[in-house]
Protein backbone atom coordinates (compact mmCIF):
# COMPACT_ATOMS: atom_id res chain seq x y z
CA UNK A 1 42.93 -10.19 44.83
CA UNK A 2 42.01 -8.68 48.17
CA UNK A 3 44.70 -6.67 49.88
CA UNK A 4 46.25 -7.95 53.11
CA UNK A 5 44.74 -4.94 54.90
CA UNK A 6 41.26 -5.87 53.67
CA UNK A 7 41.69 -9.49 54.78
CA UNK A 8 42.86 -8.42 58.24
CA UNK A 9 39.97 -5.97 58.58
CA UNK A 10 37.50 -8.66 57.55
CA UNK A 11 38.97 -11.09 60.05
CA UNK A 12 38.58 -8.56 62.84
CA UNK A 13 34.90 -8.18 62.00
CA UNK A 14 34.19 -11.91 62.15
CA UNK A 15 32.39 -13.31 65.14
CA UNK A 16 33.72 -16.52 66.77
CA UNK A 17 31.44 -18.53 64.46
CA UNK A 18 32.99 -16.99 61.35
CA UNK A 19 29.97 -14.78 60.58
CA UNK A 20 30.63 -11.12 59.85
CA UNK A 21 29.76 -9.07 62.92
CA UNK A 22 27.12 -6.36 62.70
CA UNK A 23 27.66 -4.08 65.67
CA UNK A 24 24.66 -2.14 66.90
CA UNK A 25 24.77 1.37 65.44
CA UNK A 26 24.26 3.97 68.18
CA UNK A 27 23.34 7.59 67.47
CA UNK A 28 23.14 10.31 70.11
CA UNK A 29 20.76 13.24 69.72
CA UNK A 30 21.04 16.17 72.12
CA UNK A 31 19.96 19.76 72.57
CA UNK A 32 17.18 21.95 73.89
CA UNK A 33 13.49 22.35 73.02
CA UNK A 34 13.81 21.94 69.26
CA UNK A 35 15.63 18.65 69.77
CA UNK A 36 12.77 17.73 72.08
CA UNK A 37 10.50 18.51 69.14
CA UNK A 38 7.18 20.38 69.23
CA UNK A 39 5.50 19.24 66.02
CA UNK A 40 2.19 17.58 66.72
CA UNK A 41 1.33 14.39 64.84
CA UNK A 42 -1.86 16.10 63.63
CA UNK A 43 0.27 18.22 61.27
CA UNK A 44 1.53 15.18 59.32
CA UNK A 45 -1.04 15.59 56.53
CA UNK A 46 0.44 18.97 55.64
CA UNK A 47 3.61 17.18 54.50
CA UNK A 48 1.62 15.44 51.77
CA UNK A 49 0.30 18.74 50.36
CA UNK A 50 3.72 19.41 48.82
CA UNK A 51 4.68 16.99 45.99
CA UNK A 52 8.33 17.43 47.00
CA UNK A 53 7.73 16.06 50.51
CA UNK A 54 4.85 13.65 49.86
CA UNK A 55 7.30 10.70 49.59
CA UNK A 56 8.64 11.64 53.03
CA UNK A 57 5.13 11.38 54.48
CA UNK A 58 4.79 7.94 52.91
CA UNK A 59 7.89 6.83 54.83
CA UNK A 60 6.45 8.30 58.04
CA UNK A 61 3.21 6.30 57.87
CA UNK A 62 2.43 2.62 57.95
CA UNK A 63 -0.03 0.85 55.66
CA UNK A 64 -2.74 1.46 58.28
CA UNK A 65 -2.29 5.21 58.03
CA UNK A 66 -0.82 5.47 61.51
CA UNK A 67 2.73 6.72 62.26
CA UNK A 68 5.31 4.20 61.09
CA UNK A 69 7.07 1.95 63.57
CA UNK A 70 10.70 1.25 62.69
CA UNK A 71 11.59 -2.33 61.81
CA UNK A 72 14.98 -2.38 63.45
CA UNK A 73 15.44 0.86 65.41
CA UNK A 74 14.88 1.60 69.10
CA UNK A 75 15.14 4.71 71.24
CA UNK A 76 15.95 5.80 74.78
CA UNK A 77 14.79 9.36 75.44
CA UNK A 78 15.79 11.17 78.63
CA UNK A 79 13.99 14.43 79.31
CA UNK A 80 12.18 16.26 82.08
CA UNK A 81 11.36 19.62 83.59
CA UNK A 82 13.55 22.63 82.98
CA UNK A 83 15.47 22.22 86.21
CA UNK A 84 16.26 18.59 85.42
CA UNK A 85 14.90 17.44 88.77
CA UNK A 86 12.20 15.18 87.37
CA UNK A 87 13.90 13.41 84.51
CA UNK A 88 12.30 10.33 83.07
CA UNK A 89 13.20 7.88 80.32
CA UNK A 90 10.95 6.80 77.49
CA UNK A 91 12.02 3.66 75.63
CA UNK A 92 10.74 1.44 72.86
CA UNK A 93 10.74 0.85 69.13
CA UNK A 94 11.14 4.12 67.29
CA UNK A 95 7.85 5.69 66.22
CA UNK A 96 6.11 9.04 66.55
CA UNK A 97 5.57 10.35 70.08
CA UNK A 98 9.21 10.71 71.10
CA UNK A 99 9.06 14.47 70.70
CA UNK A 100 8.54 16.92 73.58
CA UNK A 101 6.69 15.38 76.51
CA UNK A 102 4.53 16.69 79.33
CA UNK A 103 4.62 16.27 83.09
CA UNK A 104 5.32 12.54 82.71
CA UNK A 105 8.40 12.28 80.46
CA UNK A 106 7.99 8.52 80.16
CA UNK A 107 4.73 8.87 78.22
CA UNK A 108 3.99 9.66 74.56
CA UNK A 109 3.54 13.40 74.11
CA UNK A 110 1.87 13.24 70.69
CA UNK A 111 4.75 15.11 69.04
CA UNK A 112 7.86 14.49 66.99
CA UNK A 113 11.29 16.06 66.81
CA UNK A 114 14.01 15.28 64.27
CA UNK A 115 14.55 11.83 65.83
CA UNK A 116 11.58 10.30 63.98
CA UNK A 117 12.71 10.67 60.37
CA UNK A 118 16.38 10.48 61.39
CA UNK A 119 15.81 7.03 62.89
CA UNK A 120 13.59 5.84 60.04
CA UNK A 121 16.25 6.91 57.53
CA UNK A 122 18.98 5.11 59.45
CA UNK A 123 16.81 2.03 59.77
CA UNK A 124 16.33 2.00 56.00
CA UNK A 125 19.99 2.64 55.18
CA UNK A 126 21.71 0.22 57.57
CA UNK A 127 21.67 -3.55 57.88
CA UNK A 128 22.56 -3.42 61.57
CA UNK A 129 20.08 -2.68 64.37
CA UNK A 130 19.89 1.01 65.31
CA UNK A 131 19.70 2.60 68.76
CA UNK A 132 18.96 6.29 69.27
CA UNK A 133 19.87 7.83 72.62
CA UNK A 134 18.17 11.19 72.90
CA UNK A 135 18.71 13.70 75.72
CA UNK A 136 16.96 17.05 75.42
CA UNK A 137 15.66 19.72 77.76
CA UNK A 138 13.97 22.99 76.85
CA UNK A 139 15.56 26.33 77.67
CA UNK A 140 19.14 25.10 78.15
CA UNK A 141 22.12 27.07 76.83
CA UNK A 142 25.55 25.96 75.67
CA UNK A 143 27.21 28.78 77.61
CA UNK A 144 25.91 27.44 80.93
CA UNK A 145 23.91 24.21 81.29
CA UNK A 146 25.47 22.32 78.35
CA UNK A 147 28.85 23.97 78.88
CA UNK A 148 31.60 21.41 78.17
CA UNK A 149 34.41 20.84 80.71
CA UNK A 150 37.12 22.21 78.41
CA UNK A 151 35.37 25.58 78.25
CA UNK A 152 36.24 26.15 81.90
CA UNK A 153 34.00 27.90 84.43
CA UNK A 154 31.49 30.52 83.37
CA UNK A 155 33.03 33.93 84.02
CA UNK A 156 30.81 36.97 84.57
CA UNK A 157 31.96 40.08 82.73
CA UNK A 158 32.52 43.37 84.55
CA UNK A 159 29.39 44.73 82.91
CA UNK A 160 27.34 41.80 84.26
CA UNK A 161 28.74 42.27 87.76
CA UNK A 162 27.96 46.00 87.69
CA UNK A 163 24.40 45.24 86.57
CA UNK A 164 23.96 42.81 89.49
CA UNK A 165 25.12 45.46 91.92
CA UNK A 166 22.69 48.01 90.48
CA UNK A 167 19.89 45.47 90.92
CA UNK A 168 20.90 44.91 94.55
CA UNK A 169 21.88 41.29 93.99
CA UNK A 170 24.44 39.36 96.02
CA UNK A 171 27.26 38.92 93.50
CA UNK A 172 28.87 35.99 95.30
CA UNK A 173 25.53 34.23 95.60
CA UNK A 174 24.91 34.72 91.87
CA UNK A 175 28.36 33.30 91.09
CA UNK A 176 27.67 30.26 93.26
CA UNK A 177 24.30 29.72 91.55
CA UNK A 178 25.91 29.95 88.12
CA UNK A 179 28.68 27.55 89.10
CA UNK A 180 26.08 25.00 90.22
CA UNK A 181 24.27 25.11 86.87
CA UNK A 182 27.37 25.23 84.68
CA UNK A 183 27.85 21.96 82.79
CA UNK A 184 25.04 20.24 84.67
CA UNK A 185 23.08 19.12 81.63
CA UNK A 186 26.24 18.19 79.74
CA UNK A 187 26.94 15.73 82.53
CA UNK A 188 23.35 14.45 82.62
CA UNK A 189 23.66 13.79 78.89
CA UNK A 190 26.97 11.91 79.13
CA UNK A 191 25.86 9.92 82.18
CA UNK A 192 22.68 8.79 80.44
CA UNK A 193 24.52 7.67 77.31
CA UNK A 194 26.94 5.64 79.42
CA UNK A 195 24.08 4.18 81.44
CA UNK A 196 22.23 2.98 78.34
CA UNK A 197 25.38 1.54 76.76
CA UNK A 198 26.22 -0.36 79.95
CA UNK A 199 23.26 -2.60 79.03
CA UNK A 200 22.09 -1.92 75.45
CA UNK A 201 19.79 -4.94 75.43
CA UNK A 202 17.55 -3.29 78.06
CA UNK A 203 16.45 -0.80 75.39
CA UNK A 204 17.29 -2.68 72.18
CA UNK A 205 16.27 -6.37 72.23
CA UNK A 206 18.07 -6.89 68.91
CA UNK A 207 21.44 -6.13 70.48
CA UNK A 208 23.90 -9.02 70.27
CA UNK A 209 26.76 -8.74 72.81
CA UNK A 210 28.95 -10.84 70.50
CA UNK A 211 28.64 -8.14 67.82
CA UNK A 212 29.05 -5.22 70.22
CA UNK A 213 28.08 -1.66 69.41
CA UNK A 214 29.51 1.38 67.65
CA UNK A 215 28.69 5.01 68.47
CA UNK A 216 28.22 6.09 64.87
CA UNK A 217 27.02 9.68 65.18
CA UNK A 218 26.01 12.65 67.31
CA UNK A 219 23.34 15.20 66.34
CA UNK A 220 23.29 18.62 68.06
CA UNK A 221 20.19 20.85 67.73
CA UNK A 222 20.22 23.78 70.13
CA UNK A 223 20.97 27.48 70.17
CA UNK A 224 17.89 29.58 70.87
CA UNK A 225 18.78 30.41 74.47
CA UNK A 226 22.26 31.50 73.41
CA UNK A 227 20.86 33.54 70.52
CA UNK A 228 18.68 35.63 72.85
CA UNK A 229 21.22 35.86 75.68
CA UNK A 230 21.81 39.58 76.09
CA UNK A 231 24.41 39.15 78.83
CA UNK A 232 26.89 36.44 77.84
CA UNK A 233 27.56 37.63 74.30
CA UNK A 234 28.76 41.26 73.98
CA UNK A 235 28.04 43.62 71.12
CA UNK A 236 30.32 43.16 68.13
CA UNK A 237 32.55 45.81 66.51
CA UNK A 238 29.63 47.23 64.47
CA UNK A 239 27.63 47.84 67.64
CA UNK A 240 24.54 46.40 65.96
CA UNK A 241 24.93 42.64 66.27
CA UNK A 242 26.28 40.56 69.11
CA UNK A 243 29.63 38.82 68.94
CA UNK A 244 28.75 35.13 69.09
CA UNK A 245 32.25 33.85 68.34
CA UNK A 246 32.50 32.31 71.81
CA UNK A 247 29.60 30.01 70.97
CA UNK A 248 31.64 28.52 68.12
CA UNK A 249 34.63 28.06 70.43
CA UNK A 250 32.53 26.39 73.12
CA UNK A 251 30.82 24.13 70.59
CA UNK A 252 34.25 23.01 69.35
CA UNK A 253 35.14 22.25 72.98
CA UNK A 254 31.85 20.36 73.29
CA UNK A 255 32.69 18.17 70.29
CA UNK A 256 36.17 17.38 71.61
CA UNK A 257 34.92 16.68 75.13
CA UNK A 258 32.01 14.46 74.20
CA UNK A 259 34.28 12.41 71.94
CA UNK A 260 36.76 12.08 74.79
CA UNK A 261 34.12 11.18 77.38
CA UNK A 262 32.59 8.56 75.09
CA UNK A 263 35.96 7.32 73.78
CA UNK A 264 35.03 7.99 70.15
CA UNK A 265 37.78 10.26 68.73
CA UNK A 266 36.38 10.50 65.20
CA UNK A 267 32.67 10.12 65.90
CA UNK A 268 30.65 11.85 63.14
CA UNK A 269 29.10 15.00 64.56
CA UNK A 270 26.23 16.89 62.91
CA UNK A 271 25.51 20.49 63.90
CA UNK A 272 21.87 21.38 63.24
CA UNK A 273 22.30 25.11 62.62
CA UNK A 274 19.43 27.09 64.17
CA UNK A 275 16.97 28.06 61.43
CA UNK A 276 14.07 29.85 63.14
CA UNK A 277 12.81 32.81 61.06
CA UNK A 278 14.04 31.14 57.90
CA UNK A 279 16.25 32.59 55.19
CA UNK A 280 15.17 36.19 55.82
CA UNK A 281 16.31 36.26 59.44
CA UNK A 282 17.71 39.38 61.12
CA UNK A 283 21.43 40.17 61.06
CA UNK A 284 21.90 39.00 64.64
CA UNK A 285 20.41 35.59 63.87
CA UNK A 286 22.60 35.25 60.77
CA UNK A 287 25.68 36.13 62.87
CA UNK A 288 24.73 33.47 65.39
CA UNK A 289 24.30 30.86 62.66
CA UNK A 290 27.80 31.58 61.36
CA UNK A 291 29.26 31.05 64.84
CA UNK A 292 27.27 27.85 65.29
CA UNK A 293 28.47 26.39 61.98
CA UNK A 294 32.09 27.52 62.48
CA UNK A 295 33.47 24.29 64.06
CA UNK A 296 32.71 22.36 60.86
CA UNK A 297 35.34 24.50 59.09
CA UNK A 298 38.15 23.72 61.51
CA UNK A 299 40.93 21.55 59.96
CA UNK A 300 40.81 19.06 62.85
CA UNK A 301 37.14 18.38 62.13
CA UNK A 302 37.41 18.00 58.38
CA UNK A 303 35.34 15.06 57.22
CA UNK A 304 33.91 14.23 60.67
CA UNK A 305 31.88 17.34 61.58
CA UNK A 306 29.12 18.67 59.33
CA UNK A 307 26.90 21.74 59.68
CA UNK A 308 23.37 21.32 58.34
CA UNK A 309 21.48 24.57 57.84
CA UNK A 310 17.87 24.22 58.96
CA UNK A 311 16.66 27.65 57.77
CA UNK A 312 15.70 26.22 54.33
CA UNK A 313 13.17 23.97 56.08
CA UNK A 314 11.37 26.91 57.73
CA UNK A 315 7.70 27.06 56.64
CA UNK A 316 7.59 30.55 55.11
CA UNK A 317 3.91 30.29 54.16
CA UNK A 318 2.94 29.41 57.73
CA UNK A 319 5.16 32.16 59.10
CA UNK A 320 3.26 34.73 56.99
CA UNK A 321 0.03 33.56 58.61
CA UNK A 322 1.61 33.59 62.05
CA UNK A 323 2.56 37.24 61.58
CA UNK A 324 -1.09 38.02 60.93
CA UNK A 325 -2.06 36.06 64.03
CA UNK A 326 0.40 38.20 65.98
CA UNK A 327 -1.34 41.35 64.71
CA UNK A 328 -4.68 39.94 65.86
CA UNK A 329 -3.28 39.23 69.31
CA UNK A 330 -1.79 42.71 69.50
CA UNK A 331 -5.12 44.28 68.57
CA UNK A 332 -6.80 42.33 71.37
CA UNK A 333 -4.28 43.77 73.81
CA UNK A 334 -4.71 47.33 72.49
CA UNK A 335 -8.47 47.12 72.91
CA UNK A 336 -8.13 45.99 76.51
CA UNK A 337 -5.65 48.70 77.52
CA UNK A 338 -7.66 51.39 75.67
CA UNK A 339 -4.62 52.37 73.62
CA UNK A 340 -4.60 55.85 72.17
CA UNK A 341 -5.45 55.99 68.48
CA UNK A 342 -7.17 52.59 68.50
CA UNK A 343 -10.89 51.63 68.35
CA UNK A 344 -11.42 51.42 72.11
CA UNK A 345 -9.33 54.43 73.07
CA UNK A 346 -12.27 56.03 74.88
CA UNK A 347 -13.12 52.78 76.72
CA UNK A 348 -16.64 52.68 75.34
CA UNK A 349 -16.47 49.03 74.21
CA UNK A 350 -17.59 46.38 76.66
CA UNK A 351 -16.15 42.85 76.53
CA UNK A 352 -18.76 41.56 74.09
CA UNK A 353 -18.17 44.48 71.72
CA UNK A 354 -14.41 43.92 71.87
CA UNK A 355 -14.89 40.27 70.92
CA UNK A 356 -17.17 41.24 68.04
CA UNK A 357 -14.65 43.79 66.78
CA UNK A 358 -11.83 41.21 66.94
CA UNK A 359 -13.96 38.69 65.08
CA UNK A 360 -14.47 41.13 62.20
CA UNK A 361 -10.82 42.20 62.30
CA UNK A 362 -9.72 38.56 62.07
CA UNK A 363 -12.05 37.90 59.11
CA UNK A 364 -10.49 40.83 57.23
CA UNK A 365 -6.94 39.86 58.20
CA UNK A 366 -6.89 36.07 57.84
CA UNK A 367 -8.77 34.27 55.05
CA UNK A 368 -10.57 30.97 55.68
CA UNK A 369 -7.96 29.26 53.47
CA UNK A 370 -5.13 30.67 55.58
CA UNK A 371 -6.85 29.65 58.81
CA UNK A 372 -7.28 26.10 57.48
CA UNK A 373 -3.66 25.97 56.33
CA UNK A 374 -2.46 27.08 59.77
CA UNK A 375 -4.51 24.41 61.53
CA UNK A 376 -3.25 21.79 59.11
CA UNK A 377 0.44 22.66 59.25
CA UNK A 378 1.34 24.46 62.50
CA UNK A 379 1.03 23.56 66.17
CA UNK A 380 3.45 25.80 68.10
CA UNK A 381 5.33 29.10 68.23
CA UNK A 382 8.01 30.43 65.90
CA UNK A 383 10.89 29.58 68.23
CA UNK A 384 9.74 25.96 67.90
CA UNK A 385 9.73 26.10 64.09
CA UNK A 386 5.96 26.73 64.29
CA UNK A 387 5.45 23.13 65.45
CA UNK A 388 5.43 22.07 61.79
CA UNK A 389 6.00 18.34 61.25
CA UNK A 390 7.15 19.02 57.69
CA UNK A 391 10.03 21.11 59.04
CA UNK A 392 11.09 18.59 61.67
CA UNK A 393 10.78 15.71 59.21
CA UNK A 394 13.08 17.47 56.75
CA UNK A 395 15.58 18.22 59.51
CA UNK A 396 15.74 14.59 60.62
CA UNK A 397 16.12 13.36 57.03
CA UNK A 398 18.98 15.75 56.25
CA UNK A 399 20.74 15.09 59.57
CA UNK A 400 20.71 11.38 58.71
CA UNK A 401 22.06 12.00 55.21
CA UNK A 402 24.92 14.13 56.56
CA UNK A 403 25.75 11.51 59.18
CA UNK A 404 25.70 8.68 56.65
CA UNK A 405 28.00 10.64 54.34
CA UNK A 406 30.57 10.99 57.14
CA UNK A 407 30.24 7.29 57.96
CA UNK A 408 31.12 6.49 54.34
CA UNK A 409 34.12 8.77 54.58
CA UNK A 410 35.47 6.78 57.49
């Protein structure tokens, strides 16, 4: 026999016609350039080279060989230039092309971020229609642009103020500039989510007002600008690595504030822990990752905040090739500046001879197989996870799994 609680819950989910309601499932994805996503569609084939990820590629492609189009998932993607002055919204059924975009943010940029496989996974797992609301801008930090209201104003340290004075800067003007940028992109994010949810049917034709909607998850993928911020985060006790503990505190504030602003007190929240440089990252990067994942360990967030490490998805084999490419680039620079101890130290090589030398150097450094692998699997720099679709596809899949697990827990 069903419990009274179960019967009451079932009654509350029934529409006026007695049919069980299926509220639109809404997921918010936010962050900086890696949430934008810089993996070109041309790197999809590389996913199929690995038997472990070949099934993932099958999900990502339709029977015609083109990127899959979700059956019952739609997306609204707000992005724009770094200053946020030229934002534009791309909308439609979820497919590839909702990664980082160019000068016209409303048009397909030929790339994917984690949203692609995240949305496909949700579409496959849920009976209800799915709506992704993605807001992402490159180069934005949590300490400033995404700073949540509860974190308070950005406060310059004495060391920062002294440095400004040494550089001849107007301290008050710098404070005013910082105050203007603080929290700006947090507010753009929240405003866009509210705008879309004021009329979900504009983006998602499958939305039924009688069923309503539920904000069922939030995915956060950010961190690089905070990782390399040499001013906000001071050196730690060991004097070798920076103290990133404030990032963890501000991210906890972010989670609380976004839940408050969107009236979703227990909304599942997934932290995509920055994974550039993979499992062999430097101590400073490892320290940052610990601070980024820290909110998931807080008692108040037990069962509704999850940290997903993305370092395991880093393409180590492509990174090894990229390091060789970096050596090639460095050699080109050394030849031009006639660096001491290098082939053109005496300046005797003309431009054609330099090119010929670099061609031979490249042939010795990078094999044809490695060059082909790079072209097949990579399309961007290391701070963008090498623009590898395999990496972004794995991130999206695991973000979805973590979110679904928390939904079950509720």
